[in-house]
C-alpha cells in the first residue's frame, strides 16, 4: 500500500511500516498544501491512506469525494516515542483488506 505521513507526524514513523511504500508530505514536496487539495493529489498519485495527527480533518472534508482512508492518530503528544505505539493498530487495518474511504480514529 502507498501511505502518506502528514507534515504533523515525525518522519521516523515511516520505519514502522516496512511492508508498505511510505512517503512524507515533504518527500512529495507537498508542504503547506491544504487538506482538500492534498487529498486530491493523493488520489491522483495512487495513494491508499493518509496518516495524520490533525483531529479536525475528519470534520473538514467530505470524504465521499475521495477513495482515501485517513488514519487520525490520537495521543497526548505527537512524538515518535508515543505514536509508534499506535503503528500496530494501523497495520492491523492495512492488512485487514477492509479499507474504507474516510477517517479511522486510532487511539491509545
PDB file of N, CA and C in Angstrom:
ATOM      1  N   UNK A   1       0.837  -1.178   0.000  1.00  0.00           N
ATOM      2  CA  UNK A   1       0.000   0.000   0.000  1.00  0.00           C
ATOM      3  C   UNK A   1       0.883   1.243   0.000  1.00  0.00           C
ATOM      4  N   UNK A   2       0.365   2.299  -0.603  1.00  0.00           N
ATOM      5  CA  UNK A   2       1.064   3.593  -0.608  1.00  0.00           C
ATOM      6  C   UNK A   2       0.463   4.455   0.496  1.00  0.00           C
ATOM      7  N   UNK A   3       1.322   4.849   1.435  1.00  0.00           N
ATOM      8  CA  UNK A   3       0.893   5.637   2.582  1.00  0.00           C
ATOM      9  C   UNK A   3       1.587   6.991   2.567  1.00  0.00           C
ATOM     10  N   UNK A   4       0.876   8.012   3.047  1.00  0.00           N
ATOM     11  CA  UNK A   4       1.448   9.342   3.175  1.00  0.00           C
ATOM     12  C   UNK A   4       1.364   9.771   4.629  1.00  0.00           C
ATOM     13  N   UNK A   5       2.504  10.224   5.176  1.00  0.00           N
ATOM     14  CA  UNK A   5       2.536  10.775   6.524  1.00  0.00           C
ATOM     15  C   UNK A   5       2.371  12.280   6.420  1.00  0.00           C
ATOM     16  N   UNK A   6       1.380  12.810   7.108  1.00  0.00           N
ATOM     17  CA  UNK A   6       1.121  14.245   7.102  1.00  0.00           C
ATOM     18  C   UNK A   6       2.306  14.985   7.730  1.00  0.00           C
ATOM     19  N   UNK A   7       2.402  16.283   7.467  1.00  0.00           N
ATOM     20  CA  UNK A   7       3.541  17.048   7.961  1.00  0.00           C
ATOM     21  C   UNK A   7       3.542  17.205   9.466  1.00  0.00           C
ATOM     22  N   UNK A   8       2.458  16.866  10.148  1.00  0.00           N
ATOM     23  CA  UNK A   8       2.411  16.978  11.601  1.00  0.00           C
ATOM     24  C   UNK A   8       2.864  15.695  12.307  1.00  0.00           C
ATOM     25  N   UNK A   9       3.396  14.746  11.558  1.00  0.00           N
ATOM     26  CA  UNK A   9       3.893  13.493  12.136  1.00  0.00           C
ATOM     27  C   UNK A   9       5.408  13.408  11.994  1.00  0.00           C
ATOM     28  N   UNK A  10       6.069  12.737  12.944  1.00  0.00           N
ATOM     29  CA  UNK A  10       7.519  12.553  12.824  1.00  0.00           C
ATOM     30  C   UNK A  10       7.854  11.624  11.656  1.00  0.00           C
ATOM     31  N   UNK A  11       8.846  12.005  10.863  1.00  0.00           N
ATOM     32  CA  UNK A  11       9.189  11.209   9.678  1.00  0.00           C
ATOM     33  C   UNK A  11       9.705   9.824  10.043  1.00  0.00           C
ATOM     34  N   UNK A  12      10.213   9.649  11.256  1.00  0.00           N
ATOM     35  CA  UNK A  12      10.670   8.320  11.697  1.00  0.00           C
ATOM     36  C   UNK A  12       9.556   7.288  11.689  1.00  0.00           C
ATOM     37  N   UNK A  13       8.322   7.731  11.694  1.00  0.00           N
ATOM     38  CA  UNK A  13       7.184   6.799  11.685  1.00  0.00           C
ATOM     39  C   UNK A  13       7.173   5.953  10.412  1.00  0.00           C
ATOM     40  N   UNK A  14       7.852   6.422   9.372  1.00  0.00           N
ATOM     41  CA  UNK A  14       7.956   5.647   8.130  1.00  0.00           C
ATOM     42  C   UNK A  14       8.508   4.250   8.387  1.00  0.00           C
ATOM     43  N   UNK A  15       9.468   4.154   9.294  1.00  0.00           N
ATOM     44  CA  UNK A  15      10.132   2.874   9.545  1.00  0.00           C
ATOM     45  C   UNK A  15       9.208   1.848  10.205  1.00  0.00           C
ATOM     46  N   UNK A  16       8.072   2.284  10.717  1.00  0.00           N
ATOM     47  CA  UNK A  16       7.122   1.368  11.358  1.00  0.00           C
ATOM     48  C   UNK A  16       6.291   0.572  10.350  1.00  0.00           C
ATOM     49  N   UNK A  17       6.406   0.912   9.059  1.00  0.00           N
ATOM     50  CA  UNK A  17       5.589   0.273   8.029  1.00  0.00           C
ATOM     51  C   UNK A  17       6.471  -0.238   6.880  1.00  0.00           C
ATOM     52  N   UNK A  18       7.402  -1.148   7.175  1.00  0.00           N
ATOM     53  CA  UNK A  18       8.359  -1.588   6.151  1.00  0.00           C
ATOM     54  C   UNK A  18       7.736  -2.364   4.993  1.00  0.00           C
ATOM     55  N   UNK A  19       6.551  -2.928   5.184  1.00  0.00           N
ATOM     56  CA  UNK A  19       5.904  -3.705   4.120  1.00  0.00           C
ATOM     57  C   UNK A  19       5.157  -2.812   3.137  1.00  0.00           C
ATOM     58  N   UNK A  20       5.182  -1.502   3.376  1.00  0.00           N
ATOM     59  CA  UNK A  20       4.418  -0.568   2.552  1.00  0.00           C
ATOM     60  C   UNK A  20       5.341   0.490   1.960  1.00  0.00           C
ATOM     61  N   UNK A  21       4.847   1.148   0.929  1.00  0.00           N
ATOM     62  CA  UNK A  21       5.563   2.260   0.306  1.00  0.00           C
ATOM     63  C   UNK A  21       5.100   3.529   1.027  1.00  0.00           C
ATOM     64  N   UNK A  22       5.980   4.099   1.854  1.00  0.00           N
ATOM     65  CA  UNK A  22       5.606   5.214   2.715  1.00  0.00           C
ATOM     66  C   UNK A  22       6.383   6.467   2.326  1.00  0.00           C
ATOM     67  N   UNK A  23       5.641   7.568   2.187  1.00  0.00           N
ATOM     68  CA  UNK A  23       6.224   8.870   1.878  1.00  0.00           C
ATOM     69  C   UNK A  23       5.764   9.874   2.929  1.00  0.00           C
ATOM     70  N   UNK A  24       6.544  10.925   3.095  1.00  0.00           N
ATOM     71  CA  UNK A  24       6.100  12.054   3.903  1.00  0.00           C
ATOM     72  C   UNK A  24       5.625  13.142   2.953  1.00  0.00           C
ATOM     73  N   UNK A  25       4.874  14.087   3.482  1.00  0.00           N
ATOM     74  CA  UNK A  25       4.450  15.241   2.682  1.00  0.00           C
ATOM     75  C   UNK A  25       5.685  15.944   2.132  1.00  0.00           C
ATOM     76  N   UNK A  26       6.720  16.020   2.940  1.00  0.00           N
ATOM     77  CA  UNK A  26       7.971  16.656   2.493  1.00  0.00           C
ATOM     78  C   UNK A  26       8.613  15.878   1.347  1.00  0.00           C
ATOM     79  N   UNK A  27       8.609  14.538   1.421  1.00  0.00           N
ATOM     80  CA  UNK A  27       9.169  13.718   0.334  1.00  0.00           C
ATOM     81  C   UNK A  27       8.518  14.073  -1.005  1.00  0.00           C
ATOM     82  N   UNK A  28       7.203  14.314  -0.966  1.00  0.00           N
ATOM     83  CA  UNK A  28       6.443  14.608  -2.184  1.00  0.00           C
ATOM     84  C   UNK A  28       6.468  16.096  -2.540  1.00  0.00           C
ATOM     85  N   UNK A  29       7.104  16.901  -1.692  1.00  0.00           N
ATOM     86  CA  UNK A  29       7.160  18.363  -1.860  1.00  0.00           C
ATOM     87  C   UNK A  29       5.762  18.975  -1.863  1.00  0.00           C
ATOM     88  N   UNK A  30       4.924  18.476  -0.956  1.00  0.00           N
ATOM     89  CA  UNK A  30       3.554  18.950  -0.818  1.00  0.00           C
ATOM     90  C   UNK A  30       3.374  19.756   0.472  1.00  0.00           C
ATOM     91  N   UNK A  31       4.461  20.271   1.028  1.00  0.00           N
ATOM     92  CA  UNK A  31       4.395  21.046   2.262  1.00  0.00           C
ATOM     93  C   UNK A  31       3.446  22.225   2.094  1.00  0.00           C
ATOM     94  N   UNK A  32       2.649  22.488   3.113  1.00  0.00           N
ATOM     95  CA  UNK A  32       1.784  23.661   3.130  1.00  0.00           C
ATOM     96  C   UNK A  32       0.518  23.556   2.305  1.00  0.00           C
ATOM     97  N   UNK A  33       0.306  22.434   1.643  1.00  0.00           N
ATOM     98  CA  UNK A  33      -0.903  22.267   0.820  1.00  0.00           C
ATOM     99  C   UNK A  33      -2.090  21.975   1.743  1.00  0.00           C
ATOM    100  N   UNK A  34      -3.190  22.649   1.493  1.00  0.00           N
ATOM    101  CA  UNK A  34      -4.404  22.472   2.305  1.00  0.00           C
ATOM    102  C   UNK A  34      -4.956  21.056   2.140  1.00  0.00           C
ATOM    103  N   UNK A  35      -5.692  20.606   3.148  1.00  0.00           N
ATOM    104  CA  UNK A  35      -6.153  19.212   3.205  1.00  0.00           C
ATOM    105  C   UNK A  35      -6.944  18.754   1.986  1.00  0.00           C
ATOM    106  N   UNK A  36      -7.894  19.551   1.511  1.00  0.00           N
ATOM    107  CA  UNK A  36      -8.699  19.143   0.355  1.00  0.00           C
ATOM    108  C   UNK A  36      -7.845  18.927  -0.874  1.00  0.00           C
ATOM    109  N   UNK A  37      -6.933  19.837  -1.124  1.00  0.00           N
ATOM    110  CA  UNK A  37      -6.025  19.715  -2.269  1.00  0.00           C
ATOM    111  C   UNK A  37      -5.074  18.538  -2.068  1.00  0.00           C
ATOM    112  N   UNK A  38      -4.626  18.329  -0.833  1.00  0.00           N
ATOM    113  CA  UNK A  38      -3.731  17.207  -0.531  1.00  0.00           C
ATOM    114  C   UNK A  38      -4.415  15.880  -0.848  1.00  0.00           C
ATOM    115  N   UNK A  39      -5.667  15.735  -0.473  1.00  0.00           N
ATOM    116  CA  UNK A  39      -6.409  14.504  -0.763  1.00  0.00           C
ATOM    117  C   UNK A  39      -6.542  14.290  -2.272  1.00  0.00           C
ATOM    118  N   UNK A  40      -6.783  15.350  -3.021  1.00  0.00           N
ATOM    119  CA  UNK A  40      -6.860  15.237  -4.485  1.00  0.00           C
ATOM    120  C   UNK A  40      -5.531  14.773  -5.068  1.00  0.00           C
ATOM    121  N   UNK A  41      -4.430  15.356  -4.586  1.00  0.00           N
ATOM    122  CA  UNK A  41      -3.101  14.948  -5.060  1.00  0.00           C
ATOM    123  C   UNK A  41      -2.826  13.484  -4.729  1.00  0.00           C
ATOM    124  N   UNK A  42      -3.247  13.061  -3.545  1.00  0.00           N
ATOM    125  CA  UNK A  42      -3.032  11.673  -3.135  1.00  0.00           C
ATOM    126  C   UNK A  42      -3.774  10.701  -4.051  1.00  0.00           C
ATOM    127  N   UNK A  43      -5.017  11.009  -4.371  1.00  0.00           N
ATOM    128  CA  UNK A  43      -5.800  10.151  -5.268  1.00  0.00           C
ATOM    129  C   UNK A  43      -5.111  10.083  -6.627  1.00  0.00           C
ATOM    130  N   UNK A  44      -4.703  11.233  -7.153  1.00  0.00           N
ATOM    131  CA  UNK A  44      -4.058  11.290  -8.469  1.00  0.00           C
ATOM    132  C   UNK A  44      -2.737  10.535  -8.488  1.00  0.00           C
ATOM    133  N   UNK A  45      -2.053  10.463  -7.320  1.00  0.00           N
ATOM    134  CA  UNK A  45      -0.743   9.811  -7.246  1.00  0.00           C
ATOM    135  C   UNK A  45      -0.841   8.359  -6.757  1.00  0.00           C
ATOM    136  N   UNK A  46      -2.042   7.829  -6.621  1.00  0.00           N
ATOM    137  CA  UNK A  46      -2.212   6.414  -6.291  1.00  0.00           C
ATOM    138  C   UNK A  46      -2.022   6.041  -4.837  1.00  0.00           C
ATOM    139  N   UNK A  47      -2.204   6.986  -3.930  1.00  0.00           N
ATOM    140  CA  UNK A  47      -2.083   6.670  -2.504  1.00  0.00           C
ATOM    141  C   UNK A  47      -3.341   5.984  -2.002  1.00  0.00           C
ATOM    142  N   UNK A  48      -3.165   5.169  -0.973  1.00  0.00           N
ATOM    143  CA  UNK A  48      -4.276   4.451  -0.359  1.00  0.00           C
ATOM    144  C   UNK A  48      -4.705   5.066   0.972  1.00  0.00           C
ATOM    145  N   UNK A  49      -3.740   5.658   1.707  1.00  0.00           N
ATOM    146  CA  UNK A  49      -4.073   6.151   3.041  1.00  0.00           C
ATOM    147  C   UNK A  49      -3.173   7.311   3.447  1.00  0.00           C
ATOM    148  N   UNK A  50      -3.749   8.169   4.278  1.00  0.00           N
ATOM    149  CA  UNK A  50      -3.046   9.280   4.909  1.00  0.00           C
ATOM    150  C   UNK A  50      -3.026   9.023   6.403  1.00  0.00           C
ATOM    151  N   UNK A  51      -1.878   9.230   7.022  1.00  0.00           N
ATOM    152  CA  UNK A  51      -1.772   9.191   8.472  1.00  0.00           C
ATOM    153  C   UNK A  51      -1.565  10.623   8.936  1.00  0.00           C
ATOM    154  N   UNK A  52      -2.376  11.047   9.907  1.00  0.00           N
ATOM    155  CA  UNK A  52      -2.309  12.425  10.363  1.00  0.00           C
ATOM    156  C   UNK A  52      -2.545  12.517  11.859  1.00  0.00           C
ATOM    157  N   UNK A  53      -2.126  13.638  12.427  1.00  0.00           N
ATOM    158  CA  UNK A  53      -2.403  13.954  13.826  1.00  0.00           C
ATOM    159  C   UNK A  53      -3.465  15.051  13.901  1.00  0.00           C
ATOM    160  N   UNK A  54      -3.973  15.470  12.746  1.00  0.00           N
ATOM    161  CA  UNK A  54      -4.955  16.556  12.634  1.00  0.00           C
ATOM    162  C   UNK A  54      -6.351  16.024  12.942  1.00  0.00           C
ATOM    163  N   UNK A  55      -6.793  16.227  14.158  1.00  0.00           N
ATOM    164  CA  UNK A  55      -8.095  15.702  14.583  1.00  0.00           C
ATOM    165  C   UNK A  55      -9.266  16.422  13.919  1.00  0.00           C
ATOM    166  N   UNK A  56      -9.047  17.629  13.403  1.00  0.00           N
ATOM    167  CA  UNK A  56     -10.111  18.387  12.753  1.00  0.00           C
ATOM    168  C   UNK A  56     -10.370  17.943  11.320  1.00  0.00           C
ATOM    169  N   UNK A  57      -9.412  17.271  10.704  1.00  0.00           N
ATOM    170  CA  UNK A  57      -9.540  16.863   9.306  1.00  0.00           C
ATOM    171  C   UNK A  57     -10.813  16.059   9.063  1.00  0.00           C
ATOM    172  N   UNK A  58     -11.171  15.204  10.003  1.00  0.00           N
ATOM    173  CA  UNK A  58     -12.350  14.353   9.831  1.00  0.00           C
ATOM    174  C   UNK A  58     -13.647  15.162   9.753  1.00  0.00           C
ATOM    175  N   UNK A  59     -13.635  16.383  10.266  1.00  0.00           N
ATOM    176  CA  UNK A  59     -14.834  17.232  10.238  1.00  0.00           C
ATOM    177  C   UNK A  59     -14.791  18.249   9.101  1.00  0.00           C
ATOM    178  N   UNK A  60     -13.625  18.437   8.492  1.00  0.00           N
ATOM    179  CA  UNK A  60     -13.445  19.487   7.490  1.00  0.00           C
ATOM    180  C   UNK A  60     -13.631  19.015   6.054  1.00  0.00           C
ATOM    181  N   UNK A  61     -13.622  17.721   5.827  1.00  0.00           N
ATOM    182  CA  UNK A  61     -13.649  17.218   4.458  1.00  0.00           C
ATOM    183  C   UNK A  61     -14.877  16.348   4.194  1.00  0.00           C
ATOM    184  N   UNK A  62     -15.343  16.377   2.961  1.00  0.00           N
ATOM    185  CA  UNK A  62     -16.413  15.494   2.511  1.00  0.00           C
ATOM    186  C   UNK A  62     -15.735  14.273   1.891  1.00  0.00           C
ATOM    187  N   UNK A  63     -15.623  13.211   2.647  1.00  0.00           N
ATOM    188  CA  UNK A  63     -14.856  12.046   2.212  1.00  0.00           C
ATOM    189  C   UNK A  63     -15.552  11.224   1.135  1.00  0.00           C
ATOM    190  N   UNK A  64     -16.789  11.525   0.828  1.00  0.00           N
ATOM    191  CA  UNK A  64     -17.460  10.790  -0.247  1.00  0.00           C
ATOM    192  C   UNK A  64     -16.820  11.108  -1.605  1.00  0.00           C
ATOM    193  N   UNK A  65     -16.046  12.180  -1.680  1.00  0.00           N
ATOM    194  CA  UNK A  65     -15.390  12.575  -2.933  1.00  0.00           C
ATOM    195  C   UNK A  65     -14.046  11.877  -3.140  1.00  0.00           C
ATOM    196  N   UNK A  66     -13.552  11.183  -2.122  1.00  0.00           N
ATOM    197  CA  UNK A  66     -12.204  10.611  -2.179  1.00  0.00           C
ATOM    198  C   UNK A  66     -12.236   9.110  -1.894  1.00  0.00           C
ATOM    199  N   UNK A  67     -11.213   8.426  -2.357  1.00  0.00           N
ATOM    200  CA  UNK A  67     -11.086   6.989  -2.109  1.00  0.00           C
ATOM    201  C   UNK A  67      -9.987   6.710  -1.094  1.00  0.00           C
ATOM    202  N   UNK A  68      -9.637   7.704  -0.317  1.00  0.00           N
ATOM    203  CA  UNK A  68      -8.513   7.634   0.616  1.00  0.00           C
ATOM    204  C   UNK A  68      -8.998   7.321   2.027  1.00  0.00           C
ATOM    205  N   UNK A  69      -8.306   6.409   2.695  1.00  0.00           N
ATOM    206  CA  UNK A  69      -8.515   6.180   4.117  1.00  0.00           C
ATOM    207  C   UNK A  69      -7.630   7.167   4.862  1.00  0.00           C
ATOM    208  N   UNK A  70      -8.168   7.779   5.904  1.00  0.00           N
ATOM    209  CA  UNK A  70      -7.392   8.727   6.710  1.00  0.00           C
ATOM    210  C   UNK A  70      -7.322   8.187   8.130  1.00  0.00           C
ATOM    211  N   UNK A  71      -6.110   7.823   8.543  1.00  0.00           N
ATOM    212  CA  UNK A  71      -5.892   7.371   9.918  1.00  0.00           C
ATOM    213  C   UNK A  71      -5.583   8.594  10.767  1.00  0.00           C
ATOM    214  N   UNK A  72      -6.483   8.918  11.693  1.00  0.00           N
ATOM    215  CA  UNK A  72      -6.283  10.041  12.593  1.00  0.00           C
ATOM    216  C   UNK A  72      -5.683   9.470  13.878  1.00  0.00           C
ATOM    217  N   UNK A  73      -4.399   9.736  14.080  1.00  0.00           N
ATOM    218  CA  UNK A  73      -3.702   9.224  15.258  1.00  0.00           C
ATOM    219  C   UNK A  73      -3.986  10.148  16.431  1.00  0.00           C
ATOM    220  N   UNK A  74      -4.482   9.581  17.510  1.00  0.00           N
ATOM    221  CA  UNK A  74      -4.867  10.358  18.680  1.00  0.00           C
ATOM    222  C   UNK A  74      -4.016   9.923  19.863  1.00  0.00           C
ATOM    223  N   UNK A  75      -3.252  10.875  20.393  1.00  0.00           N
ATOM    224  CA  UNK A  75      -2.392  10.629  21.545  1.00  0.00           C
ATOM    225  C   UNK A  75      -2.185  11.956  22.262  1.00  0.00           C
ATOM    226  N   UNK A  76      -1.566  11.898  23.424  1.00  0.00           N
ATOM    227  CA  UNK A  76      -1.369  13.129  24.199  1.00  0.00           C
ATOM    228  C   UNK A  76      -0.381  14.068  23.533  1.00  0.00           C
ATOM    229  N   UNK A  77       0.641  13.519  22.857  1.00  0.00           N
ATOM    230  CA  UNK A  77       1.610  14.324  22.115  1.00  0.00           C
ATOM    231  C   UNK A  77       1.989  13.582  20.838  1.00  0.00           C
ATOM    232  N   UNK A  78       2.565  14.295  19.882  1.00  0.00           N
ATOM    233  CA  UNK A  78       2.858  13.695  18.571  1.00  0.00           C
ATOM    234  C   UNK A  78       4.332  13.349  18.388  1.00  0.00           C
ATOM    235  N   UNK A  79       4.960  12.810  19.421  1.00  0.00           N
ATOM    236  CA  UNK A  79       6.350  12.377  19.284  1.00  0.00           C
ATOM    237  C   UNK A  79       6.392  10.949  18.751  1.00  0.00           C
ATOM    238  N   UNK A  80       7.515  10.599  18.146  1.00  0.00           N
ATOM    239  CA  UNK A  80       7.663   9.239  17.638  1.00  0.00           C
ATOM    240  C   UNK A  80       7.506   8.221  18.764  1.00  0.00           C
ATOM    241  N   UNK A  81       8.088   8.511  19.915  1.00  0.00           N
ATOM    242  CA  UNK A  81       8.063   7.570  21.036  1.00  0.00           C
ATOM    243  C   UNK A  81       6.632   7.232  21.456  1.00  0.00           C
ATOM    244  N   UNK A  82       5.717   8.171  21.322  1.00  0.00           N
ATOM    245  CA  UNK A  82       4.313   7.931  21.669  1.00  0.00           C
ATOM    246  C   UNK A  82       3.563   7.314  20.483  1.00  0.00           C
ATOM    247  N   UNK A  83       3.715   7.885  19.306  1.00  0.00           N
ATOM    248  CA  UNK A  83       2.930   7.445  18.150  1.00  0.00           C
ATOM    249  C   UNK A  83       3.320   6.061  17.637  1.00  0.00           C
ATOM    250  N   UNK A  84       4.548   5.644  17.852  1.00  0.00           N
ATOM    251  CA  UNK A  84       4.945   4.300  17.411  1.00  0.00           C
ATOM    252  C   UNK A  84       4.096   3.230  18.093  1.00  0.00           C
ATOM    253  N   UNK A  85       3.562   3.552  19.253  1.00  0.00           N
ATOM    254  CA  UNK A  85       2.680   2.626  19.953  1.00  0.00           C
ATOM    255  C   UNK A  85       1.346   2.407  19.247  1.00  0.00           C
ATOM    256  N   UNK A  86       1.009   3.276  18.295  1.00  0.00           N
ATOM    257  CA  UNK A  86      -0.240   3.145  17.541  1.00  0.00           C
ATOM    258  C   UNK A  86      -0.039   2.428  16.202  1.00  0.00           C
ATOM    259  N   UNK A  87       1.198   2.223  15.821  1.00  0.00           N
ATOM    260  CA  UNK A  87       1.502   1.666  14.496  1.00  0.00           C
ATOM    261  C   UNK A  87       0.932   0.273  14.287  1.00  0.00           C
ATOM    262  N   UNK A  88       0.944  -0.560  15.310  1.00  0.00           N
ATOM    263  CA  UNK A  88       0.400  -1.919  15.166  1.00  0.00           C
ATOM    264  C   UNK A  88      -1.097  -1.880  14.873  1.00  0.00           C
ATOM    265  N   UNK A  89      -1.816  -0.918  15.450  1.00  0.00           N
ATOM    266  CA  UNK A  89      -3.251  -0.785  15.186  1.00  0.00           C
ATOM    267  C   UNK A  89      -3.502  -0.347  13.745  1.00  0.00           C
ATOM    268  N   UNK A  90      -2.658   0.564  13.256  1.00  0.00           N
ATOM    269  CA  UNK A  90      -2.779   0.995  11.858  1.00  0.00           C
ATOM    270  C   UNK A  90      -2.486  -0.187  10.942  1.00  0.00           C
ATOM    271  N   UNK A  91      -1.422  -0.908  11.235  1.00  0.00           N
ATOM    272  CA  UNK A  91      -1.022  -2.061  10.419  1.00  0.00           C
ATOM    273  C   UNK A  91      -2.127  -3.105  10.368  1.00  0.00           C
ATOM    274  N   UNK A  92      -2.809  -3.308  11.473  1.00  0.00           N
ATOM    275  CA  UNK A  92      -3.917  -4.272  11.511  1.00  0.00           C
ATOM    276  C   UNK A  92      -5.006  -3.869  10.511  1.00  0.00           C
ATOM    277  N   UNK A  93      -5.328  -2.581  10.458  1.00  0.00           N
ATOM    278  CA  UNK A  93      -6.317  -2.097   9.480  1.00  0.00           C
ATOM    279  C   UNK A  93      -5.806  -2.270   8.055  1.00  0.00           C
ATOM    280  N   UNK A  94      -4.525  -1.946   7.836  1.00  0.00           N
ATOM    281  CA  UNK A  94      -3.953  -2.056   6.495  1.00  0.00           C
ATOM    282  C   UNK A  94      -3.999  -3.488   5.981  1.00  0.00           C
ATOM    283  N   UNK A  95      -3.797  -4.440   6.874  1.00  0.00           N
ATOM    284  CA  UNK A  95      -3.756  -5.849   6.486  1.00  0.00           C
ATOM    285  C   UNK A  95      -5.124  -6.522   6.488  1.00  0.00           C
ATOM    286  N   UNK A  96      -6.148  -5.817   6.954  1.00  0.00           N
ATOM    287  CA  UNK A  96      -7.469  -6.430   7.086  1.00  0.00           C
ATOM    288  C   UNK A  96      -8.177  -6.614   5.744  1.00  0.00           C
ATOM    289  N   UNK A  97      -7.783  -5.821   4.744  1.00  0.00           N
ATOM    290  CA  UNK A  97      -8.478  -5.879   3.468  1.00  0.00           C
ATOM    291  C   UNK A  97      -9.806  -5.152   3.476  1.00  0.00           C
ATOM    292  N   UNK A  98     -10.100  -4.445   4.566  1.00  0.00           N
ATOM    293  CA  UNK A  98     -11.376  -3.719   4.687  1.00  0.00           C
ATOM    294  C   UNK A  98     -11.138  -2.221   4.801  1.00  0.00           C
ATOM    295  N   UNK A  99     -10.320  -1.699   3.950  1.00  0.00           N
ATOM    296  CA  UNK A  99     -10.021  -0.270   3.969  1.00  0.00           C
ATOM    297  C   UNK A  99     -11.234   0.479   3.426  1.00  0.00           C
ATOM    298  N   UNK A 100     -11.688   1.483   4.158  1.00  0.00           N
ATOM    299  CA  UNK A 100     -12.822   2.290   3.731  1.00  0.00           C
ATOM    300  C   UNK A 100     -12.364   3.729   3.546  1.00  0.00           C
ATOM    301  N   UNK A 101     -13.013   4.440   2.665  1.00  0.00           N
ATOM    302  CA  UNK A 101     -12.704   5.847   2.481  1.00  0.00           C
ATOM    303  C   UNK A 101     -13.190   6.616   3.710  1.00  0.00           C
ATOM    304  N   UNK A 102     -12.390   7.612   4.095  1.00  0.00           N
ATOM    305  CA  UNK A 102     -12.752   8.430   5.222  1.00  0.00           C
ATOM    306  C   UNK A 102     -11.909   8.149   6.442  1.00  0.00           C
ATOM    307  N   UNK A 103     -12.265   8.798   7.558  1.00  0.00           N
ATOM    308  CA  UNK A 103     -11.440   8.728   8.747  1.00  0.00           C
ATOM    309  C   UNK A 103     -11.613   7.451   9.567  1.00  0.00           C
ATOM    310  N   UNK A 104     -10.493   6.995  10.092  1.00  0.00           N
ATOM    311  CA  UNK A 104     -10.464   5.920  11.088  1.00  0.00           C
ATOM    312  C   UNK A 104      -9.646   6.470  12.255  1.00  0.00           C
ATOM    313  N   UNK A 105     -10.254   6.526  13.429  1.00  0.00           N
ATOM    314  CA  UNK A 105      -9.578   7.068  14.607  1.00  0.00           C
ATOM    315  C   UNK A 105      -8.755   5.954  15.247  1.00  0.00           C
ATOM    316  N   UNK A 106      -7.471   6.225  15.432  1.00  0.00           N
ATOM    317  CA  UNK A 106      -6.566   5.277  16.085  1.00  0.00           C
ATOM    318  C   UNK A 106      -6.076   5.935  17.372  1.00  0.00           C
ATOM    319  N   UNK A 107      -6.440   5.350  18.502  1.00  0.00           N
ATOM    320  CA  UNK A 107      -6.044   5.940  19.784  1.00  0.00           C
ATOM    321  C   UNK A 107      -5.389   4.902  20.678  1.00  0.00           C
ATOM    322  N   UNK A 108      -4.786   5.409  21.734  1.00  0.00           N
ATOM    323  CA  UNK A 108      -4.062   4.535  22.672  1.00  0.00           C
ATOM    324  C   UNK A 108      -5.001   3.679  23.472  1.00  0.00           C
TER     325      UNK A 108
END
